[in-house]
Amino acid sequence: MVNSYTSNSNEILGALKALNAKYNDYLIGEGRWLNEGFESIVSIEENPADSRQENLILKKEIFMMLPVHIREDIATFMVID
């Protein structure tokens, strides 16, 4: 799980969207199962104790299906538990 304030959540989601362009060939071919792009590797949950805070939950099983070089790229802007 990646706990972050909304601004960090938006930054992480922006970085994931940027990967859609960077790895467009992968998404068209081998990664077409990622229908919504790399944003689909996380789910967003609002923190019930503080509505200003969101929890980004990494879908570990989907993340692990990605090629190593893409996982390494994601790990540069997102803490992977």
C-alpha atoms as a PDB file:
ATOM      1  CA  MET A   1       0.000   0.000   0.000  1.00  0.00           C
ATOM      2  CA  VAL A   2       1.176   3.475  -0.785  1.00  0.00           C
ATOM      3  CA  ASN A   3      -0.192   6.018   1.675  1.00  0.00           C
ATOM      4  CA  SER A   4      -0.083   9.525   0.359  1.00  0.00           C
ATOM      5  CA  TYR A   5      -1.784  12.874   0.533  1.00  0.00           C
ATOM      6  CA  THR A   6      -3.978  13.784  -2.407  1.00  0.00           C
ATOM      7  CA  SER A   7      -1.230  15.846  -4.055  1.00  0.00           C
ATOM      8  CA  ASN A   8       1.129  12.869  -3.941  1.00  0.00           C
ATOM      9  CA  SER A   9      -1.639  10.605  -5.214  1.00  0.00           C
ATOM     10  CA  ASN A  10      -2.144  12.956  -8.141  1.00  0.00           C
ATOM     11  CA  GLU A  11       1.597  13.007  -8.815  1.00  0.00           C
ATOM     12  CA  ILE A  12       1.764   9.211  -8.785  1.00  0.00           C
ATOM     13  CA  LEU A  13      -1.283   8.920 -11.037  1.00  0.00           C
ATOM     14  CA  GLY A  14       0.273  11.494 -13.375  1.00  0.00           C
ATOM     15  CA  ALA A  15       3.499   9.500 -13.493  1.00  0.00           C
ATOM     16  CA  LEU A  16       1.536   6.323 -14.258  1.00  0.00           C
ATOM     17  CA  LYS A  17      -0.281   8.149 -17.083  1.00  0.00           C
ATOM     18  CA  ALA A  18       3.084   9.303 -18.444  1.00  0.00           C
ATOM     19  CA  LEU A  19       4.126   5.657 -18.657  1.00  0.00           C
ATOM     20  CA  ASN A  20       1.218   5.084 -21.047  1.00  0.00           C
ATOM     21  CA  ALA A  21       3.039   7.227 -23.609  1.00  0.00           C
ATOM     22  CA  LYS A  22       6.509   5.943 -22.756  1.00  0.00           C
ATOM     23  CA  TYR A  23       5.495   2.289 -23.068  1.00  0.00           C
ATOM     24  CA  ASN A  24       2.796   2.736 -25.715  1.00  0.00           C
ATOM     25  CA  ASP A  25       4.195  -0.107 -27.831  1.00  0.00           C
ATOM     26  CA  TYR A  26       3.956  -2.451 -24.838  1.00  0.00           C
ATOM     27  CA  LEU A  27       0.338  -1.408 -24.169  1.00  0.00           C
ATOM     28  CA  ILE A  28      -0.626  -1.948 -27.808  1.00  0.00           C
ATOM     29  CA  GLY A  29       0.978  -5.382 -27.959  1.00  0.00           C
ATOM     30  CA  GLU A  30       1.881  -7.513 -24.994  1.00  0.00           C
ATOM     31  CA  GLY A  31       0.235  -5.257 -22.408  1.00  0.00           C
ATOM     32  CA  ARG A  32      -3.156  -4.845 -24.044  1.00  0.00           C
ATOM     33  CA  TRP A  33      -4.656  -6.566 -20.979  1.00  0.00           C
ATOM     34  CA  LEU A  34      -4.034  -3.260 -19.153  1.00  0.00           C
ATOM     35  CA  ASN A  35      -7.218  -1.796 -20.648  1.00  0.00           C
ATOM     36  CA  GLU A  36      -6.992   1.455 -18.694  1.00  0.00           C
ATOM     37  CA  GLY A  37      -3.226   1.782 -18.965  1.00  0.00           C
ATOM     38  CA  PHE A  38      -0.821   1.741 -16.053  1.00  0.00           C
ATOM     39  CA  GLU A  39      -3.297   3.538 -13.781  1.00  0.00           C
ATOM     40  CA  SER A  40      -5.076   0.192 -13.483  1.00  0.00           C
ATOM     41  CA  ILE A  41      -2.283  -1.181 -11.265  1.00  0.00           C
ATOM     42  CA  VAL A  42      -3.574   0.909  -8.335  1.00  0.00           C
ATOM     43  CA  SER A  43      -6.887   1.436  -6.633  1.00  0.00           C
ATOM     44  CA  ILE A  44      -7.742   4.598  -4.730  1.00  0.00           C
ATOM     45  CA  GLU A  45      -9.421   4.538  -1.339  1.00  0.00           C
ATOM     46  CA  GLU A  46     -10.305   7.577   0.726  1.00  0.00           C
ATOM     47  CA  ASN A  47      -8.966   7.479   4.253  1.00  0.00           C
ATOM     48  CA  PRO A  48     -12.069   7.374   6.506  1.00  0.00           C
ATOM     49  CA  ALA A  49     -10.192   9.148   9.315  1.00  0.00           C
ATOM     50  CA  ASP A  50      -9.066  12.048   7.121  1.00  0.00           C
ATOM     51  CA  SER A  51     -10.904  12.882   3.900  1.00  0.00           C
ATOM     52  CA  ARG A  52      -7.906  14.946   2.736  1.00  0.00           C
ATOM     53  CA  GLN A  53      -5.838  11.793   2.553  1.00  0.00           C
ATOM     54  CA  GLU A  54      -6.107   8.978   0.032  1.00  0.00           C
ATOM     55  CA  ASN A  55      -4.593   5.547   0.075  1.00  0.00           C
ATOM     56  CA  LEU A  56      -3.253   4.267  -3.208  1.00  0.00           C
ATOM     57  CA  ILE A  57      -3.363   0.500  -3.077  1.00  0.00           C
ATOM     58  CA  LEU A  58      -0.954  -1.276  -5.402  1.00  0.00           C
ATOM     59  CA  LYS A  59      -2.517  -4.287  -7.072  1.00  0.00           C
ATOM     60  CA  LYS A  60       0.513  -6.463  -6.453  1.00  0.00           C
ATOM     61  CA  GLU A  61      -0.598  -9.377  -8.640  1.00  0.00           C
ATOM     62  CA  ILE A  62      -0.992  -7.051 -11.636  1.00  0.00           C
ATOM     63  CA  PHE A  63       2.261  -5.221 -10.864  1.00  0.00           C
ATOM     64  CA  MET A  64       4.183  -8.506 -10.776  1.00  0.00           C
ATOM     65  CA  MET A  65       2.885  -9.419 -14.248  1.00  0.00           C
ATOM     66  CA  LEU A  66       4.677  -6.405 -15.744  1.00  0.00           C
ATOM     67  CA  PRO A  67       8.128  -6.754 -17.301  1.00  0.00           C
ATOM     68  CA  VAL A  68      11.004  -6.092 -14.903  1.00  0.00           C
ATOM     69  CA  HIS A  69      12.127  -2.875 -16.633  1.00  0.00           C
ATOM     70  CA  ILE A  70       8.637  -1.374 -16.280  1.00  0.00           C
ATOM     71  CA  ARG A  71       8.400  -2.433 -12.615  1.00  0.00           C
ATOM     72  CA  GLU A  72      11.781  -0.789 -12.016  1.00  0.00           C
ATOM     73  CA  ASP A  73      10.541   2.389 -13.701  1.00  0.00           C
ATOM     74  CA  ILE A  74       7.430   2.446 -11.489  1.00  0.00           C
ATOM     75  CA  ALA A  75       9.568   1.886  -8.384  1.00  0.00           C
ATOM     76  CA  THR A  76      11.381   5.177  -9.093  1.00  0.00           C
ATOM     77  CA  PHE A  77       8.287   7.204  -8.133  1.00  0.00           C
ATOM     78  CA  MET A  78       6.259   4.795  -6.026  1.00  0.00           C
ATOM     79  CA  VAL A  79       7.269   2.917  -2.883  1.00  0.00           C
ATOM     80  CA  ILE A  80       6.618  -0.777  -3.431  1.00  0.00           C
ATOM     81  CA  ASP A  81       5.923  -2.823  -0.295  1.00  0.00           C
END
